[in-house]
Amino acid sequence: MSSLPVNVVPGVRLAAVAAGIRYKERDDLVLMELAEDSVAAAVFTQNAFCAAPVTVARQHLEKISPRYLLINSGNANAGTGDTGMAASYETCRLVAAATGVAMNQVLPFSTGVIGEDLPTDPFARSIPGLLSTLRQDGWQSAAAAIMTTDTVPKLASRSFTADGQKVT
């Protein structure tokens, strides 16, 4: 994987691991930690049919700003009904339990195959490793870990000054 220059975003740390959700020996799970005073916004699909992680992320973001974003590839957790909702909540609970934040401060995201149940055991095994490897320059590995049908990681970053303050 080639390394593209990416600006460090103060207050954001990332890690990626090979959890074995779908892929063997390939990173497929990302944890992004946001500083405690971070403010977050999101744009969600307008489609009436939403995957479980979209529904859960919307619910959580309505209540409080997130501290953690949990992203898996290989399994979209879409079209999985109540089982998918339970899996999304469980993955948030696992991060919350390991970090001491409220469950609704974790936003789940999934990309990959539609219609397959999302196993939560790989998350339970992998979250400690993610937490121990969080770093500010983890953008490259995170971008590679969320690839499904992409052939290259997608990254872009810019820094500029607004009202005398650097924004990245």
N, C-alpha and C. Protein backbone atom coordinates (compact mmCIF):
# COMPACT_ATOMS: atom_id res chain seq x y z
N MET A 1 0.85 -1.18 0.00
CA MET A 1 0.00 0.00 0.00
C MET A 1 0.89 1.24 0.00
N SER A 2 0.68 2.14 -0.95
CA SER A 2 1.45 3.37 -0.97
C SER A 2 0.92 4.33 0.09
N SER A 3 1.78 5.19 0.52
CA SER A 3 1.41 6.11 1.60
C SER A 3 1.21 7.51 1.03
N LEU A 4 0.02 8.01 1.16
CA LEU A 4 -0.29 9.36 0.73
C LEU A 4 -0.16 10.30 1.92
N PRO A 5 0.25 11.54 1.69
CA PRO A 5 0.35 12.47 2.82
C PRO A 5 -1.04 12.81 3.36
N VAL A 6 -1.21 12.64 4.65
CA VAL A 6 -2.48 12.95 5.30
C VAL A 6 -2.17 13.78 6.53
N ASN A 7 -2.87 14.88 6.68
CA ASN A 7 -2.68 15.75 7.83
C ASN A 7 -3.23 15.08 9.09
N VAL A 8 -2.48 15.19 10.17
CA VAL A 8 -2.97 14.72 11.47
C VAL A 8 -4.09 15.65 11.91
N VAL A 9 -5.16 15.09 12.42
CA VAL A 9 -6.28 15.88 12.94
C VAL A 9 -6.16 15.86 14.46
N PRO A 10 -5.84 17.00 15.06
CA PRO A 10 -5.71 17.02 16.53
C PRO A 10 -6.97 16.48 17.20
N GLY A 11 -6.77 15.59 18.17
CA GLY A 11 -7.90 15.03 18.91
C GLY A 11 -8.52 13.80 18.30
N VAL A 12 -7.96 13.31 17.18
CA VAL A 12 -8.49 12.11 16.54
C VAL A 12 -7.38 11.06 16.48
N ARG A 13 -7.71 9.86 16.98
CA ARG A 13 -6.78 8.73 16.90
C ARG A 13 -7.51 7.54 16.27
N LEU A 14 -6.77 6.73 15.51
CA LEU A 14 -7.36 5.61 14.79
C LEU A 14 -6.51 4.36 14.94
N ALA A 15 -7.18 3.22 14.77
CA ALA A 15 -6.49 1.93 14.74
C ALA A 15 -7.29 0.98 13.86
N ALA A 16 -6.58 0.03 13.26
CA ALA A 16 -7.21 -1.00 12.44
C ALA A 16 -6.60 -2.34 12.79
N VAL A 17 -7.44 -3.39 12.76
CA VAL A 17 -6.97 -4.75 13.03
C VAL A 17 -7.66 -5.74 12.09
N ALA A 18 -7.03 -6.90 11.97
CA ALA A 18 -7.63 -8.01 11.25
C ALA A 18 -8.48 -8.80 12.24
N ALA A 19 -9.78 -8.52 12.26
CA ALA A 19 -10.69 -9.16 13.20
C ALA A 19 -11.24 -10.48 12.67
N GLY A 20 -11.14 -10.70 11.38
CA GLY A 20 -11.67 -11.92 10.79
C GLY A 20 -13.17 -11.89 10.60
N ILE A 21 -13.73 -10.71 10.45
CA ILE A 21 -15.18 -10.59 10.25
C ILE A 21 -15.58 -11.25 8.93
N ARG A 22 -14.82 -11.00 7.91
CA ARG A 22 -15.04 -11.67 6.62
C ARG A 22 -13.71 -12.08 6.00
N TYR A 23 -12.72 -11.23 6.14
CA TYR A 23 -11.44 -11.44 5.49
C TYR A 23 -10.45 -12.11 6.44
N LYS A 24 -9.60 -12.94 5.90
CA LYS A 24 -8.54 -13.58 6.67
C LYS A 24 -7.25 -12.80 6.45
N GLU A 25 -6.56 -12.51 7.53
CA GLU A 25 -5.26 -11.84 7.48
C GLU A 25 -5.30 -10.50 6.75
N ARG A 26 -6.40 -9.79 6.90
CA ARG A 26 -6.54 -8.46 6.32
C ARG A 26 -7.30 -7.59 7.31
N ASP A 27 -6.81 -6.38 7.56
CA ASP A 27 -7.52 -5.49 8.47
C ASP A 27 -8.94 -5.26 7.98
N ASP A 28 -9.91 -5.42 8.89
CA ASP A 28 -11.32 -5.25 8.53
C ASP A 28 -12.14 -4.59 9.64
N LEU A 29 -11.44 -4.07 10.65
CA LEU A 29 -12.13 -3.39 11.75
C LEU A 29 -11.34 -2.17 12.16
N VAL A 30 -12.02 -1.03 12.23
CA VAL A 30 -11.40 0.26 12.54
C VAL A 30 -12.09 0.87 13.75
N LEU A 31 -11.31 1.46 14.63
CA LEU A 31 -11.84 2.25 15.72
C LEU A 31 -11.25 3.65 15.60
N MET A 32 -12.11 4.64 15.65
CA MET A 32 -11.70 6.03 15.61
C MET A 32 -12.13 6.66 16.93
N GLU A 33 -11.18 7.26 17.62
CA GLU A 33 -11.45 7.91 18.90
C GLU A 33 -11.44 9.42 18.68
N LEU A 34 -12.48 10.09 19.15
CA LEU A 34 -12.59 11.54 19.06
C LEU A 34 -12.37 12.14 20.44
N ALA A 35 -11.66 13.25 20.50
CA ALA A 35 -11.41 13.92 21.78
C ALA A 35 -12.73 14.23 22.47
N GLU A 36 -12.67 14.31 23.78
CA GLU A 36 -13.88 14.49 24.58
C GLU A 36 -14.69 15.73 24.21
N ASP A 37 -14.03 16.79 23.78
CA ASP A 37 -14.74 18.03 23.46
C ASP A 37 -15.10 18.15 21.98
N SER A 38 -15.01 17.06 21.24
CA SER A 38 -15.31 17.07 19.81
C SER A 38 -16.80 17.28 19.56
N VAL A 39 -17.08 17.90 18.43
CA VAL A 39 -18.46 18.08 17.96
C VAL A 39 -18.55 17.33 16.64
N ALA A 40 -19.58 16.54 16.47
CA ALA A 40 -19.71 15.72 15.27
C ALA A 40 -21.03 16.00 14.57
N ALA A 41 -21.01 15.82 13.26
CA ALA A 41 -22.21 15.92 12.43
C ALA A 41 -22.13 14.77 11.44
N ALA A 42 -23.25 14.39 10.89
CA ALA A 42 -23.26 13.28 9.93
C ALA A 42 -24.31 13.52 8.86
N VAL A 43 -24.09 12.90 7.74
CA VAL A 43 -25.06 12.88 6.65
C VAL A 43 -25.42 11.41 6.45
N PHE A 44 -26.70 11.10 6.50
CA PHE A 44 -27.16 9.72 6.36
C PHE A 44 -28.00 9.58 5.11
N THR A 45 -28.15 8.34 4.65
CA THR A 45 -29.00 8.06 3.51
C THR A 45 -30.43 8.55 3.76
N GLN A 46 -31.09 8.93 2.71
CA GLN A 46 -32.50 9.33 2.81
C GLN A 46 -33.43 8.15 2.49
N ASN A 47 -32.85 7.02 2.14
CA ASN A 47 -33.60 5.82 1.80
C ASN A 47 -34.41 5.34 3.01
N ALA A 48 -35.64 4.95 2.80
CA ALA A 48 -36.47 4.44 3.89
C ALA A 48 -35.95 3.11 4.42
N PHE A 49 -35.25 2.36 3.58
CA PHE A 49 -34.65 1.09 4.00
C PHE A 49 -33.21 1.38 4.40
N CYS A 50 -32.93 1.26 5.69
CA CYS A 50 -31.59 1.54 6.20
C CYS A 50 -31.02 0.32 6.90
N ALA A 51 -29.72 0.15 6.77
CA ALA A 51 -29.03 -0.92 7.49
C ALA A 51 -29.07 -0.61 8.98
N ALA A 52 -28.95 -1.65 9.78
CA ALA A 52 -28.99 -1.50 11.24
C ALA A 52 -27.99 -0.48 11.76
N PRO A 53 -26.73 -0.46 11.30
CA PRO A 53 -25.79 0.53 11.82
C PRO A 53 -26.21 1.97 11.53
N VAL A 54 -26.86 2.20 10.41
CA VAL A 54 -27.34 3.54 10.08
C VAL A 54 -28.40 3.96 11.09
N THR A 55 -29.34 3.08 11.37
CA THR A 55 -30.40 3.38 12.33
C THR A 55 -29.82 3.66 13.71
N VAL A 56 -28.89 2.82 14.15
CA VAL A 56 -28.29 2.98 15.48
C VAL A 56 -27.45 4.26 15.54
N ALA A 57 -26.66 4.52 14.51
CA ALA A 57 -25.83 5.73 14.50
C ALA A 57 -26.71 6.98 14.56
N ARG A 58 -27.80 6.99 13.82
CA ARG A 58 -28.74 8.14 13.88
C ARG A 58 -29.28 8.32 15.29
N GLN A 59 -29.74 7.23 15.89
CA GLN A 59 -30.29 7.29 17.25
C GLN A 59 -29.26 7.84 18.23
N HIS A 60 -28.05 7.35 18.17
CA HIS A 60 -27.01 7.77 19.11
C HIS A 60 -26.61 9.22 18.90
N LEU A 61 -26.49 9.62 17.64
CA LEU A 61 -26.06 10.99 17.34
C LEU A 61 -27.11 12.02 17.75
N GLU A 62 -28.38 11.62 17.79
CA GLU A 62 -29.45 12.54 18.23
C GLU A 62 -29.32 12.89 19.70
N LYS A 63 -28.65 12.03 20.49
CA LYS A 63 -28.59 12.20 21.94
C LYS A 63 -27.33 12.90 22.43
N ILE A 64 -26.18 12.62 21.79
CA ILE A 64 -24.90 13.09 22.33
C ILE A 64 -23.83 13.00 21.25
N SER A 65 -22.80 13.81 21.37
CA SER A 65 -21.68 13.71 20.43
C SER A 65 -20.90 12.43 20.69
N PRO A 66 -20.47 11.76 19.63
CA PRO A 66 -19.77 10.49 19.81
C PRO A 66 -18.34 10.68 20.30
N ARG A 67 -17.83 9.66 20.95
CA ARG A 67 -16.41 9.58 21.31
C ARG A 67 -15.71 8.56 20.44
N TYR A 68 -16.46 7.57 19.94
CA TYR A 68 -15.86 6.50 19.15
C TYR A 68 -16.71 6.19 17.92
N LEU A 69 -16.04 5.94 16.80
CA LEU A 69 -16.67 5.43 15.59
C LEU A 69 -16.08 4.04 15.37
N LEU A 70 -16.93 3.05 15.19
CA LEU A 70 -16.51 1.67 14.99
C LEU A 70 -16.95 1.24 13.60
N ILE A 71 -16.00 0.88 12.75
CA ILE A 71 -16.28 0.62 11.34
C ILE A 71 -15.76 -0.76 10.97
N ASN A 72 -16.63 -1.60 10.43
CA ASN A 72 -16.19 -2.90 9.94
C ASN A 72 -16.43 -3.00 8.44
N SER A 73 -15.60 -3.80 7.79
CA SER A 73 -15.80 -4.07 6.37
C SER A 73 -16.02 -5.57 6.18
N GLY A 74 -16.62 -5.90 5.04
CA GLY A 74 -16.88 -7.29 4.72
C GLY A 74 -18.30 -7.73 4.98
N ASN A 75 -19.00 -7.03 5.87
CA ASN A 75 -20.38 -7.37 6.22
C ASN A 75 -21.12 -6.07 6.50
N ALA A 76 -22.11 -5.76 5.66
CA ALA A 76 -22.84 -4.49 5.77
C ALA A 76 -23.86 -4.47 6.90
N ASN A 77 -24.17 -5.62 7.48
CA ASN A 77 -25.21 -5.71 8.51
C ASN A 77 -26.49 -5.01 8.02
N ALA A 78 -26.82 -5.26 6.78
CA ALA A 78 -28.00 -4.67 6.13
C ALA A 78 -28.95 -5.79 5.74
N GLY A 79 -30.24 -5.53 5.90
CA GLY A 79 -31.24 -6.54 5.57
C GLY A 79 -31.24 -7.69 6.57
N THR A 80 -30.86 -7.39 7.81
CA THR A 80 -30.72 -8.43 8.83
C THR A 80 -31.72 -8.29 9.97
N GLY A 81 -32.64 -7.33 9.87
CA GLY A 81 -33.73 -7.20 10.83
C GLY A 81 -33.30 -7.00 12.27
N ASP A 82 -34.06 -7.62 13.18
CA ASP A 82 -33.79 -7.48 14.61
C ASP A 82 -32.41 -8.02 15.00
N THR A 83 -31.97 -9.07 14.32
CA THR A 83 -30.65 -9.63 14.60
C THR A 83 -29.57 -8.60 14.31
N GLY A 84 -29.71 -7.88 13.22
CA GLY A 84 -28.75 -6.84 12.85
C GLY A 84 -28.75 -5.68 13.82
N MET A 85 -29.95 -5.31 14.27
CA MET A 85 -30.03 -4.23 15.27
C MET A 85 -29.34 -4.66 16.56
N ALA A 86 -29.59 -5.88 16.99
CA ALA A 86 -28.96 -6.39 18.21
C ALA A 86 -27.44 -6.41 18.07
N ALA A 87 -26.94 -6.80 16.90
CA ALA A 87 -25.49 -6.84 16.67
C ALA A 87 -24.90 -5.43 16.72
N SER A 88 -25.59 -4.46 16.12
CA SER A 88 -25.10 -3.08 16.14
C SER A 88 -25.04 -2.55 17.58
N TYR A 89 -26.08 -2.78 18.33
CA TYR A 89 -26.08 -2.34 19.73
C TYR A 89 -24.96 -3.05 20.52
N GLU A 90 -24.78 -4.34 20.27
CA GLU A 90 -23.76 -5.10 21.00
C GLU A 90 -22.35 -4.58 20.69
N THR A 91 -22.08 -4.25 19.44
CA THR A 91 -20.74 -3.73 19.12
C THR A 91 -20.51 -2.40 19.82
N CYS A 92 -21.53 -1.57 19.91
CA CYS A 92 -21.42 -0.30 20.64
C CYS A 92 -21.20 -0.56 22.13
N ARG A 93 -21.93 -1.53 22.66
CA ARG A 93 -21.80 -1.87 24.08
C ARG A 93 -20.39 -2.34 24.40
N LEU A 94 -19.81 -3.13 23.51
CA LEU A 94 -18.46 -3.64 23.72
C LEU A 94 -17.43 -2.50 23.81
N VAL A 95 -17.54 -1.54 22.91
CA VAL A 95 -16.62 -0.39 22.95
C VAL A 95 -16.87 0.42 24.21
N ALA A 96 -18.13 0.66 24.52
CA ALA A 96 -18.47 1.44 25.72
C ALA A 96 -17.92 0.77 26.99
N ALA A 97 -18.08 -0.51 27.10
CA ALA A 97 -17.61 -1.23 28.28
C ALA A 97 -16.08 -1.16 28.40
N ALA A 98 -15.40 -1.19 27.28
CA ALA A 98 -13.93 -1.18 27.30
C ALA A 98 -13.35 0.22 27.54
N THR A 99 -14.16 1.25 27.29
CA THR A 99 -13.64 2.62 27.37
C THR A 99 -14.26 3.46 28.48
N GLY A 100 -15.38 2.99 29.02
CA GLY A 100 -16.04 3.75 30.08
C GLY A 100 -16.95 4.86 29.60
N VAL A 101 -17.24 4.91 28.30
CA VAL A 101 -18.17 5.91 27.80
C VAL A 101 -19.58 5.32 27.77
N ALA A 102 -20.57 6.18 27.58
CA ALA A 102 -21.94 5.70 27.42
C ALA A 102 -22.07 4.99 26.07
N MET A 103 -22.92 3.99 26.01
CA MET A 103 -23.10 3.23 24.78
C MET A 103 -23.49 4.12 23.60
N ASN A 104 -24.29 5.16 23.86
CA ASN A 104 -24.71 6.01 22.74
C ASN A 104 -23.63 7.00 22.30
N GLN A 105 -22.43 6.91 22.90
CA GLN A 105 -21.29 7.70 22.43
C GLN A 105 -20.45 6.91 21.44
N VAL A 106 -20.96 5.76 21.02
CA VAL A 106 -20.30 4.94 20.01
C VAL A 106 -21.22 4.86 18.80
N LEU A 107 -20.69 5.18 17.63
CA LEU A 107 -21.46 5.07 16.39
C LEU A 107 -20.92 3.89 15.58
N PRO A 108 -21.81 2.96 15.19
CA PRO A 108 -21.38 1.82 14.39
C PRO A 108 -21.54 2.10 12.89
N PHE A 109 -20.61 1.58 12.10
CA PHE A 109 -20.68 1.68 10.65
C PHE A 109 -20.23 0.35 10.07
N SER A 110 -20.89 -0.10 9.01
CA SER A 110 -20.56 -1.38 8.38
C SER A 110 -20.64 -1.24 6.87
N THR A 111 -19.74 -1.92 6.18
CA THR A 111 -19.75 -1.94 4.72
C THR A 111 -19.39 -3.33 4.24
N GLY A 112 -20.04 -3.76 3.20
CA GLY A 112 -19.74 -5.09 2.66
C GLY A 112 -20.97 -5.82 2.18
N VAL A 113 -20.97 -7.12 2.38
CA VAL A 113 -22.03 -8.00 1.88
C VAL A 113 -23.34 -7.71 2.62
N ILE A 114 -24.42 -7.65 1.86
CA ILE A 114 -25.76 -7.39 2.40
C ILE A 114 -26.46 -8.71 2.68
N GLY A 115 -27.24 -8.74 3.76
CA GLY A 115 -28.10 -9.90 4.05
C GLY A 115 -27.48 -10.98 4.89
N GLU A 116 -26.27 -10.77 5.39
CA GLU A 116 -25.65 -11.76 6.27
C GLU A 116 -25.59 -11.21 7.69
N ASP A 117 -25.87 -12.07 8.67
CA ASP A 117 -25.79 -11.64 10.06
C ASP A 117 -24.35 -11.24 10.41
N LEU A 118 -24.23 -10.18 11.19
CA LEU A 118 -22.92 -9.69 11.62
C LEU A 118 -22.50 -10.40 12.89
N PRO A 119 -21.41 -11.17 12.85
CA PRO A 119 -20.95 -11.83 14.08
C PRO A 119 -20.31 -10.81 15.02
N THR A 120 -20.58 -10.91 16.31
CA THR A 120 -20.01 -9.95 17.26
C THR A 120 -18.79 -10.48 17.99
N ASP A 121 -18.55 -11.78 17.95
CA ASP A 121 -17.36 -12.34 18.61
C ASP A 121 -16.06 -11.72 18.10
N PRO A 122 -15.90 -11.50 16.80
CA PRO A 122 -14.66 -10.87 16.34
C PRO A 122 -14.46 -9.47 16.94
N PHE A 123 -15.53 -8.76 17.18
CA PHE A 123 -15.45 -7.43 17.80
C PHE A 123 -14.95 -7.57 19.24
N ALA A 124 -15.56 -8.49 19.97
CA ALA A 124 -15.18 -8.69 21.38
C ALA A 124 -13.69 -9.05 21.50
N ARG A 125 -13.20 -9.89 20.60
CA ARG A 125 -11.79 -10.27 20.62
C ARG A 125 -10.87 -9.12 20.20
N SER A 126 -11.33 -8.23 19.35
CA SER A 126 -10.45 -7.25 18.71
C SER A 126 -10.43 -5.87 19.36
N ILE A 127 -11.44 -5.52 20.11
CA ILE A 127 -11.52 -4.17 20.67
C ILE A 127 -10.33 -3.85 21.59
N PRO A 128 -9.88 -4.75 22.46
CA PRO A 128 -8.70 -4.42 23.27
C PRO A 128 -7.47 -4.07 22.42
N GLY A 129 -7.25 -4.81 21.36
CA GLY A 129 -6.13 -4.54 20.47
C GLY A 129 -6.26 -3.21 19.76
N LEU A 130 -7.48 -2.88 19.36
CA LEU A 130 -7.71 -1.57 18.74
C LEU A 130 -7.38 -0.46 19.72
N LEU A 131 -7.86 -0.57 20.93
CA LEU A 131 -7.64 0.48 21.93
C LEU A 131 -6.16 0.65 22.24
N SER A 132 -5.42 -0.42 22.22
CA SER A 132 -4.00 -0.33 22.57
C SER A 132 -3.13 0.18 21.42
N THR A 133 -3.70 0.27 20.22
CA THR A 133 -2.90 0.73 19.08
C THR A 133 -3.41 2.02 18.46
N LEU A 134 -4.32 2.72 19.12
CA LEU A 134 -4.82 4.00 18.61
C LEU A 134 -3.66 4.98 18.43
N ARG A 135 -3.66 5.66 17.27
CA ARG A 135 -2.62 6.66 17.03
C ARG A 135 -3.13 7.73 16.08
N GLN A 136 -2.52 8.91 16.16
CA GLN A 136 -2.96 10.03 15.33
C GLN A 136 -2.70 9.81 13.84
N ASP A 137 -1.71 9.02 13.52
CA ASP A 137 -1.36 8.83 12.10
C ASP A 137 -1.89 7.51 11.54
N GLY A 138 -2.98 7.01 12.08
CA GLY A 138 -3.55 5.74 11.63
C GLY A 138 -4.46 5.82 10.42
N TRP A 139 -4.43 6.92 9.71
CA TRP A 139 -5.36 7.13 8.59
C TRP A 139 -5.16 6.13 7.46
N GLN A 140 -3.91 5.84 7.10
CA GLN A 140 -3.64 4.92 5.98
C GLN A 140 -4.21 3.53 6.27
N SER A 141 -3.93 3.01 7.45
CA SER A 141 -4.40 1.66 7.77
C SER A 141 -5.93 1.64 7.89
N ALA A 142 -6.51 2.70 8.40
CA ALA A 142 -7.98 2.77 8.50
C ALA A 142 -8.61 2.78 7.11
N ALA A 143 -8.05 3.57 6.20
CA ALA A 143 -8.60 3.65 4.84
C ALA A 143 -8.50 2.29 4.14
N ALA A 144 -7.41 1.58 4.35
CA ALA A 144 -7.26 0.27 3.73
C ALA A 144 -8.23 -0.75 4.35
N ALA A 145 -8.45 -0.65 5.65
CA ALA A 145 -9.29 -1.62 6.35
C ALA A 145 -10.76 -1.54 5.96
N ILE A 146 -11.23 -0.39 5.51
CA ILE A 146 -12.65 -0.28 5.17
C ILE A 146 -12.93 -0.51 3.69
N MET A 147 -11.91 -0.91 2.96
CA MET A 147 -12.12 -1.21 1.54
C MET A 147 -12.92 -2.50 1.39
N THR A 148 -13.85 -2.48 0.46
CA THR A 148 -14.58 -3.71 0.12
C THR A 148 -14.29 -4.00 -1.35
N THR A 149 -14.97 -3.33 -2.26
CA THR A 149 -14.71 -3.54 -3.69
C THR A 149 -13.73 -2.51 -4.24
N ASP A 150 -13.29 -1.57 -3.40
CA ASP A 150 -12.33 -0.57 -3.84
C ASP A 150 -11.00 -1.24 -4.17
N THR A 151 -10.26 -0.65 -5.09
CA THR A 151 -8.95 -1.19 -5.42
C THR A 151 -7.81 -0.39 -4.79
N VAL A 152 -8.13 0.80 -4.31
CA VAL A 152 -7.14 1.64 -3.61
C VAL A 152 -7.83 2.33 -2.44
N PRO A 153 -7.07 2.62 -1.36
CA PRO A 153 -7.66 3.38 -0.25
C PRO A 153 -7.96 4.81 -0.72
N LYS A 154 -9.01 5.37 -0.17
CA LYS A 154 -9.41 6.73 -0.53
C LYS A 154 -9.17 7.66 0.65
N LEU A 155 -8.29 8.64 0.44
CA LEU A 155 -7.94 9.61 1.48
C LEU A 155 -7.78 10.99 0.87
N ALA A 156 -8.16 11.98 1.63
CA ALA A 156 -7.91 13.37 1.25
C ALA A 156 -7.87 14.18 2.53
N SER A 157 -7.01 15.18 2.58
CA SER A 157 -6.99 16.06 3.75
C SER A 157 -6.49 17.43 3.34
N ARG A 158 -6.96 18.41 4.04
CA ARG A 158 -6.56 19.80 3.82
C ARG A 158 -6.50 20.49 5.16
N SER A 159 -5.65 21.49 5.24
CA SER A 159 -5.59 22.37 6.41
C SER A 159 -5.71 23.80 5.93
N PHE A 160 -6.42 24.61 6.68
CA PHE A 160 -6.56 26.03 6.34
C PHE A 160 -6.81 26.80 7.62
N THR A 161 -6.76 28.11 7.54
CA THR A 161 -6.99 28.96 8.70
C THR A 161 -8.33 29.66 8.54
N ALA A 162 -9.14 29.62 9.57
CA ALA A 162 -10.45 30.28 9.58
C ALA A 162 -10.56 31.05 10.89
N ASP A 163 -10.82 32.32 10.81
CA ASP A 163 -10.91 33.18 12.01
C ASP A 163 -9.69 33.02 12.92
N GLY A 164 -8.52 32.92 12.29
CA GLY A 164 -7.28 32.83 13.04
C GLY A 164 -7.00 31.48 13.66
N GLN A 165 -7.80 30.46 13.36
CA GLN A 165 -7.61 29.13 13.93
C GLN A 165 -7.37 28.12 12.81
N LYS A 166 -6.37 27.24 13.01
CA LYS A 166 -6.08 26.21 12.00
C LYS A 166 -7.16 25.14 12.05
N VAL A 167 -7.66 24.80 10.88
CA VAL A 167 -8.68 23.76 10.73
C VAL A 167 -8.10 22.69 9.82
N THR A 168 -8.23 21.43 10.24
CA THR A 168 -7.74 20.32 9.40
C THR A 168 -8.89 19.41 9.09
